[in-house]
Amino acid sequence: MSTPSQQVFVNLILNAIAAMPNGGTLRLRLRRNADEVVVQVEDTGCGIPDADIGKVFDPFYTTAMSGKGTGLGLSICYAIVKEHRGAIEAQSQYGKGSTFSVRLPALVEAGSF
């Protein structure tokens, strides 16, 4: 059983894979700023049109073929990240790929571990 925070990253990775049906590159990046951790999931898939990028976190919004997705995955990710006092954002270039960035508060102060 995965935790809600694991569910966020599993969903983002599965979405990235689905966006690359003919293969591509999936990159995961992690960095720590003074007070936050940023995880990025980047793919070289089909990308999201500019007109749709603002809708990707809306419930029931999907670009998946009928029967392939409910349109709830990213809205659930959004809710989970917000519940953890974080933020999630999407950047995309249609035909080139997408990057989803998750920002979460750091739980350990820098230099204390």
N, C-alpha and C. Protein backbone atom coordinates (compact mmCIF):
# COMPACT_ATOMS: atom_id res chain seq x y z
N MET A 1 0.85 -1.17 0.00
CA MET A 1 0.00 0.00 0.00
C MET A 1 0.89 1.24 0.00
N SER A 2 0.64 2.12 -0.92
CA SER A 2 1.47 3.32 -0.99
C SER A 2 0.85 4.44 -0.16
N THR A 3 1.71 5.35 0.27
CA THR A 3 1.24 6.51 1.01
C THR A 3 0.74 7.54 0.00
N PRO A 4 -0.03 8.52 0.46
CA PRO A 4 -0.51 9.56 -0.47
C PRO A 4 0.64 10.28 -1.19
N SER A 5 1.73 10.56 -0.48
CA SER A 5 2.82 11.27 -1.15
C SER A 5 3.48 10.38 -2.21
N GLN A 6 3.56 9.07 -1.97
CA GLN A 6 4.08 8.16 -2.99
C GLN A 6 3.15 8.13 -4.19
N GLN A 7 1.85 8.19 -3.93
CA GLN A 7 0.85 8.18 -4.99
C GLN A 7 1.06 9.33 -5.96
N VAL A 8 1.45 10.48 -5.45
CA VAL A 8 1.71 11.64 -6.30
C VAL A 8 2.79 11.31 -7.32
N PHE A 9 3.90 10.78 -6.87
CA PHE A 9 5.03 10.54 -7.76
C PHE A 9 4.78 9.35 -8.69
N VAL A 10 4.10 8.32 -8.20
CA VAL A 10 3.74 7.20 -9.06
C VAL A 10 2.84 7.70 -10.19
N ASN A 11 1.86 8.52 -9.86
CA ASN A 11 0.94 9.04 -10.87
C ASN A 11 1.68 9.90 -11.89
N LEU A 12 2.56 10.77 -11.44
CA LEU A 12 3.30 11.63 -12.37
C LEU A 12 4.18 10.80 -13.30
N ILE A 13 4.81 9.77 -12.75
CA ILE A 13 5.66 8.90 -13.58
C ILE A 13 4.83 8.12 -14.58
N LEU A 14 3.71 7.56 -14.14
CA LEU A 14 2.85 6.81 -15.06
C LEU A 14 2.28 7.71 -16.16
N ASN A 15 1.92 8.95 -15.81
CA ASN A 15 1.45 9.89 -16.82
C ASN A 15 2.55 10.19 -17.84
N ALA A 16 3.78 10.36 -17.35
CA ALA A 16 4.90 10.64 -18.25
C ALA A 16 5.12 9.48 -19.21
N ILE A 17 5.06 8.27 -18.70
CA ILE A 17 5.23 7.09 -19.55
C ILE A 17 4.12 7.03 -20.59
N ALA A 18 2.88 7.30 -20.17
CA ALA A 18 1.75 7.28 -21.10
C ALA A 18 1.88 8.33 -22.19
N ALA A 19 2.56 9.43 -21.89
CA ALA A 19 2.74 10.51 -22.87
C ALA A 19 3.81 10.17 -23.90
N MET A 20 4.49 9.03 -23.70
CA MET A 20 5.56 8.63 -24.61
C MET A 20 5.30 7.22 -25.16
N PRO A 21 4.21 7.01 -25.89
CA PRO A 21 3.87 5.66 -26.34
C PRO A 21 4.91 5.05 -27.28
N ASN A 22 5.69 5.87 -27.93
CA ASN A 22 6.72 5.36 -28.84
C ASN A 22 8.11 5.44 -28.23
N GLY A 23 8.18 5.60 -26.91
CA GLY A 23 9.46 5.73 -26.23
C GLY A 23 9.82 7.19 -26.03
N GLY A 24 10.87 7.40 -25.30
CA GLY A 24 11.33 8.74 -25.00
C GLY A 24 12.20 8.72 -23.77
N THR A 25 12.36 9.87 -23.16
CA THR A 25 13.21 10.00 -21.99
C THR A 25 12.37 10.50 -20.82
N LEU A 26 12.55 9.85 -19.69
CA LEU A 26 11.92 10.25 -18.44
C LEU A 26 13.03 10.64 -17.48
N ARG A 27 12.96 11.84 -16.95
CA ARG A 27 13.97 12.31 -16.00
C ARG A 27 13.29 12.67 -14.69
N LEU A 28 13.92 12.28 -13.61
CA LEU A 28 13.50 12.69 -12.27
C LEU A 28 14.62 13.54 -11.70
N ARG A 29 14.25 14.70 -11.20
CA ARG A 29 15.24 15.60 -10.60
C ARG A 29 14.80 15.93 -9.20
N LEU A 30 15.76 16.04 -8.31
CA LEU A 30 15.49 16.38 -6.92
C LEU A 30 16.50 17.43 -6.51
N ARG A 31 16.00 18.49 -5.91
CA ARG A 31 16.92 19.50 -5.36
C ARG A 31 16.34 20.03 -4.07
N ARG A 32 17.21 20.52 -3.27
CA ARG A 32 16.80 21.07 -1.98
C ARG A 32 17.22 22.52 -1.92
N ASN A 33 16.27 23.38 -1.68
CA ASN A 33 16.55 24.78 -1.40
C ASN A 33 16.57 24.92 0.12
N ALA A 34 16.74 26.10 0.62
CA ALA A 34 16.85 26.30 2.06
C ALA A 34 15.65 25.74 2.81
N ASP A 35 14.46 25.97 2.33
CA ASP A 35 13.28 25.58 3.10
C ASP A 35 12.32 24.67 2.34
N GLU A 36 12.74 24.18 1.18
CA GLU A 36 11.85 23.30 0.42
C GLU A 36 12.63 22.27 -0.37
N VAL A 37 11.91 21.22 -0.74
CA VAL A 37 12.43 20.18 -1.62
C VAL A 37 11.62 20.26 -2.90
N VAL A 38 12.31 20.20 -4.03
CA VAL A 38 11.64 20.26 -5.34
C VAL A 38 11.93 18.97 -6.08
N VAL A 39 10.87 18.29 -6.50
CA VAL A 39 10.99 17.08 -7.30
C VAL A 39 10.37 17.38 -8.66
N GLN A 40 11.12 17.10 -9.71
CA GLN A 40 10.61 17.33 -11.05
C GLN A 40 10.53 16.01 -11.80
N VAL A 41 9.42 15.83 -12.50
CA VAL A 41 9.22 14.68 -13.38
C VAL A 41 9.10 15.25 -14.78
N GLU A 42 10.06 14.91 -15.62
CA GLU A 42 10.15 15.49 -16.96
C GLU A 42 10.10 14.38 -18.00
N ASP A 43 9.33 14.60 -19.06
CA ASP A 43 9.27 13.61 -20.14
C ASP A 43 9.46 14.29 -21.49
N THR A 44 9.79 13.49 -22.48
CA THR A 44 9.93 13.98 -23.85
C THR A 44 8.75 13.49 -24.69
N GLY A 45 7.60 13.48 -24.06
CA GLY A 45 6.39 12.98 -24.72
C GLY A 45 5.70 14.00 -25.59
N CYS A 46 4.40 13.81 -25.74
CA CYS A 46 3.61 14.61 -26.68
C CYS A 46 3.37 16.03 -26.21
N GLY A 47 3.55 16.32 -24.94
CA GLY A 47 3.33 17.67 -24.44
C GLY A 47 1.86 18.01 -24.31
N ILE A 48 1.60 19.16 -23.75
CA ILE A 48 0.23 19.63 -23.50
C ILE A 48 0.05 20.95 -24.23
N PRO A 49 -1.02 21.07 -25.02
CA PRO A 49 -1.24 22.34 -25.73
C PRO A 49 -1.39 23.51 -24.75
N ASP A 50 -0.94 24.69 -25.17
CA ASP A 50 -1.03 25.89 -24.33
C ASP A 50 -2.45 26.12 -23.82
N ALA A 51 -3.43 25.87 -24.66
CA ALA A 51 -4.82 26.12 -24.28
C ALA A 51 -5.30 25.18 -23.17
N ASP A 52 -4.59 24.07 -22.97
CA ASP A 52 -5.02 23.07 -21.99
C ASP A 52 -4.18 23.05 -20.71
N ILE A 53 -3.04 23.68 -20.71
CA ILE A 53 -2.12 23.58 -19.57
C ILE A 53 -2.77 24.06 -18.27
N GLY A 54 -3.62 25.04 -18.33
CA GLY A 54 -4.28 25.55 -17.13
C GLY A 54 -5.38 24.65 -16.60
N LYS A 55 -5.73 23.61 -17.33
CA LYS A 55 -6.81 22.70 -16.94
C LYS A 55 -6.33 21.37 -16.38
N VAL A 56 -5.04 21.10 -16.45
CA VAL A 56 -4.56 19.74 -16.15
C VAL A 56 -4.84 19.29 -14.72
N PHE A 57 -5.01 20.22 -13.79
CA PHE A 57 -5.29 19.83 -12.40
C PHE A 57 -6.79 19.86 -12.08
N ASP A 58 -7.61 20.19 -13.08
CA ASP A 58 -9.07 20.19 -12.88
C ASP A 58 -9.60 18.76 -12.82
N PRO A 59 -10.52 18.48 -11.90
CA PRO A 59 -11.12 17.14 -11.85
C PRO A 59 -11.80 16.79 -13.18
N PHE A 60 -11.61 15.57 -13.60
CA PHE A 60 -12.22 14.99 -14.80
C PHE A 60 -11.67 15.54 -16.11
N TYR A 61 -10.64 16.38 -16.06
CA TYR A 61 -10.00 16.82 -17.29
C TYR A 61 -9.00 15.74 -17.70
N THR A 62 -9.07 15.29 -18.93
CA THR A 62 -8.11 14.31 -19.43
C THR A 62 -7.90 14.49 -20.92
N THR A 63 -6.72 14.14 -21.35
CA THR A 63 -6.42 14.10 -22.78
C THR A 63 -6.33 12.65 -23.24
N ALA A 64 -6.49 11.73 -22.30
CA ALA A 64 -6.41 10.30 -22.62
C ALA A 64 -7.59 9.88 -23.49
N MET A 65 -7.35 8.85 -24.29
CA MET A 65 -8.43 8.30 -25.11
C MET A 65 -9.52 7.77 -24.20
N SER A 66 -10.72 7.74 -24.71
CA SER A 66 -11.87 7.25 -23.95
C SER A 66 -11.58 5.87 -23.36
N GLY A 67 -11.87 5.73 -22.08
CA GLY A 67 -11.63 4.46 -21.39
C GLY A 67 -10.23 4.28 -20.87
N LYS A 68 -9.34 5.22 -21.13
CA LYS A 68 -7.94 5.10 -20.71
C LYS A 68 -7.61 5.93 -19.48
N GLY A 69 -8.48 6.82 -19.07
CA GLY A 69 -8.19 7.64 -17.89
C GLY A 69 -9.44 8.33 -17.41
N THR A 70 -9.46 8.62 -16.12
CA THR A 70 -10.64 9.26 -15.52
C THR A 70 -10.52 10.77 -15.44
N GLY A 71 -9.31 11.28 -15.57
CA GLY A 71 -9.12 12.71 -15.39
C GLY A 71 -9.05 13.12 -13.94
N LEU A 72 -8.83 12.14 -13.06
CA LEU A 72 -8.76 12.45 -11.63
C LEU A 72 -7.33 12.42 -11.08
N GLY A 73 -6.42 11.78 -11.79
CA GLY A 73 -5.07 11.59 -11.28
C GLY A 73 -4.36 12.88 -10.87
N LEU A 74 -4.32 13.85 -11.77
CA LEU A 74 -3.61 15.09 -11.45
C LEU A 74 -4.35 15.95 -10.45
N SER A 75 -5.69 15.89 -10.46
CA SER A 75 -6.43 16.66 -9.45
C SER A 75 -6.20 16.06 -8.06
N ILE A 76 -6.08 14.75 -7.98
CA ILE A 76 -5.77 14.11 -6.70
C ILE A 76 -4.35 14.47 -6.27
N CYS A 77 -3.42 14.47 -7.21
CA CYS A 77 -2.04 14.89 -6.90
C CYS A 77 -2.04 16.31 -6.34
N TYR A 78 -2.78 17.19 -6.99
CA TYR A 78 -2.87 18.58 -6.56
C TYR A 78 -3.37 18.66 -5.11
N ALA A 79 -4.42 17.92 -4.80
CA ALA A 79 -4.99 17.95 -3.45
C ALA A 79 -4.01 17.40 -2.42
N ILE A 80 -3.33 16.32 -2.75
CA ILE A 80 -2.36 15.72 -1.81
C ILE A 80 -1.21 16.68 -1.55
N VAL A 81 -0.68 17.28 -2.60
CA VAL A 81 0.45 18.21 -2.44
C VAL A 81 0.02 19.42 -1.61
N LYS A 82 -1.16 19.95 -1.87
CA LYS A 82 -1.66 21.08 -1.08
C LYS A 82 -1.83 20.69 0.38
N GLU A 83 -2.32 19.47 0.62
CA GLU A 83 -2.49 18.98 1.99
C GLU A 83 -1.16 18.92 2.74
N HIS A 84 -0.08 18.74 2.01
CA HIS A 84 1.26 18.71 2.59
C HIS A 84 1.92 20.09 2.57
N ARG A 85 1.12 21.13 2.37
CA ARG A 85 1.59 22.52 2.34
C ARG A 85 2.59 22.78 1.22
N GLY A 86 2.38 22.10 0.10
CA GLY A 86 3.26 22.26 -1.04
C GLY A 86 2.55 22.85 -2.23
N ALA A 87 3.23 22.80 -3.36
CA ALA A 87 2.68 23.30 -4.62
C ALA A 87 3.10 22.37 -5.75
N ILE A 88 2.26 22.29 -6.76
CA ILE A 88 2.58 21.50 -7.94
C ILE A 88 2.27 22.36 -9.16
N GLU A 89 3.13 22.30 -10.15
CA GLU A 89 2.91 23.08 -11.36
C GLU A 89 3.34 22.27 -12.58
N ALA A 90 2.78 22.64 -13.70
CA ALA A 90 3.08 21.96 -14.96
C ALA A 90 3.61 22.97 -15.96
N GLN A 91 4.65 22.56 -16.66
CA GLN A 91 5.17 23.33 -17.79
C GLN A 91 5.24 22.36 -18.96
N SER A 92 4.91 22.83 -20.13
CA SER A 92 4.91 21.93 -21.27
C SER A 92 5.12 22.68 -22.57
N GLN A 93 5.67 21.97 -23.51
CA GLN A 93 5.79 22.47 -24.87
C GLN A 93 5.18 21.39 -25.75
N TYR A 94 4.09 21.73 -26.40
CA TYR A 94 3.36 20.77 -27.22
C TYR A 94 4.29 20.13 -28.25
N GLY A 95 4.29 18.82 -28.29
CA GLY A 95 5.15 18.08 -29.22
C GLY A 95 6.55 17.84 -28.71
N LYS A 96 6.90 18.41 -27.55
CA LYS A 96 8.28 18.30 -27.03
C LYS A 96 8.35 17.64 -25.66
N GLY A 97 7.28 17.74 -24.87
CA GLY A 97 7.30 17.14 -23.54
C GLY A 97 6.82 18.07 -22.45
N SER A 98 6.80 17.51 -21.25
CA SER A 98 6.26 18.23 -20.09
C SER A 98 7.15 18.05 -18.88
N THR A 99 7.07 19.00 -17.97
CA THR A 99 7.74 18.91 -16.68
C THR A 99 6.74 19.26 -15.60
N PHE A 100 6.60 18.36 -14.63
CA PHE A 100 5.76 18.61 -13.46
C PHE A 100 6.69 18.80 -12.28
N SER A 101 6.54 19.91 -11.59
CA SER A 101 7.38 20.24 -10.43
C SER A 101 6.54 20.21 -9.17
N VAL A 102 7.02 19.47 -8.19
CA VAL A 102 6.36 19.38 -6.89
C VAL A 102 7.28 20.04 -5.88
N ARG A 103 6.76 21.04 -5.18
CA ARG A 103 7.52 21.75 -4.14
C ARG A 103 6.89 21.41 -2.79
N LEU A 104 7.73 20.91 -1.89
CA LEU A 104 7.26 20.54 -0.55
C LEU A 104 8.16 21.17 0.48
N PRO A 105 7.60 21.54 1.63
CA PRO A 105 8.44 22.10 2.68
C PRO A 105 9.45 21.07 3.16
N ALA A 106 10.67 21.52 3.38
CA ALA A 106 11.71 20.65 3.92
C ALA A 106 11.41 20.40 5.40
N LEU A 107 11.56 19.15 5.80
CA LEU A 107 11.25 18.81 7.20
C LEU A 107 12.47 18.89 8.11
N VAL A 108 13.66 18.87 7.53
CA VAL A 108 14.89 18.93 8.31
C VAL A 108 15.63 20.21 7.92
N GLU A 109 16.09 20.94 8.88
CA GLU A 109 16.83 22.16 8.59
C GLU A 109 18.17 21.82 7.95
N ALA A 110 18.59 22.66 6.99
CA ALA A 110 19.85 22.46 6.31
C ALA A 110 20.99 22.38 7.32
N GLY A 111 21.87 21.43 7.13
CA GLY A 111 23.03 21.27 7.98
C GLY A 111 22.76 20.51 9.27
N SER A 112 21.53 20.03 9.49
CA SER A 112 21.24 19.35 10.75
C SER A 112 21.27 17.83 10.64
N PHE A 113 21.68 17.32 9.49
CA PHE A 113 21.74 15.86 9.38
C PHE A 113 23.09 15.38 9.01
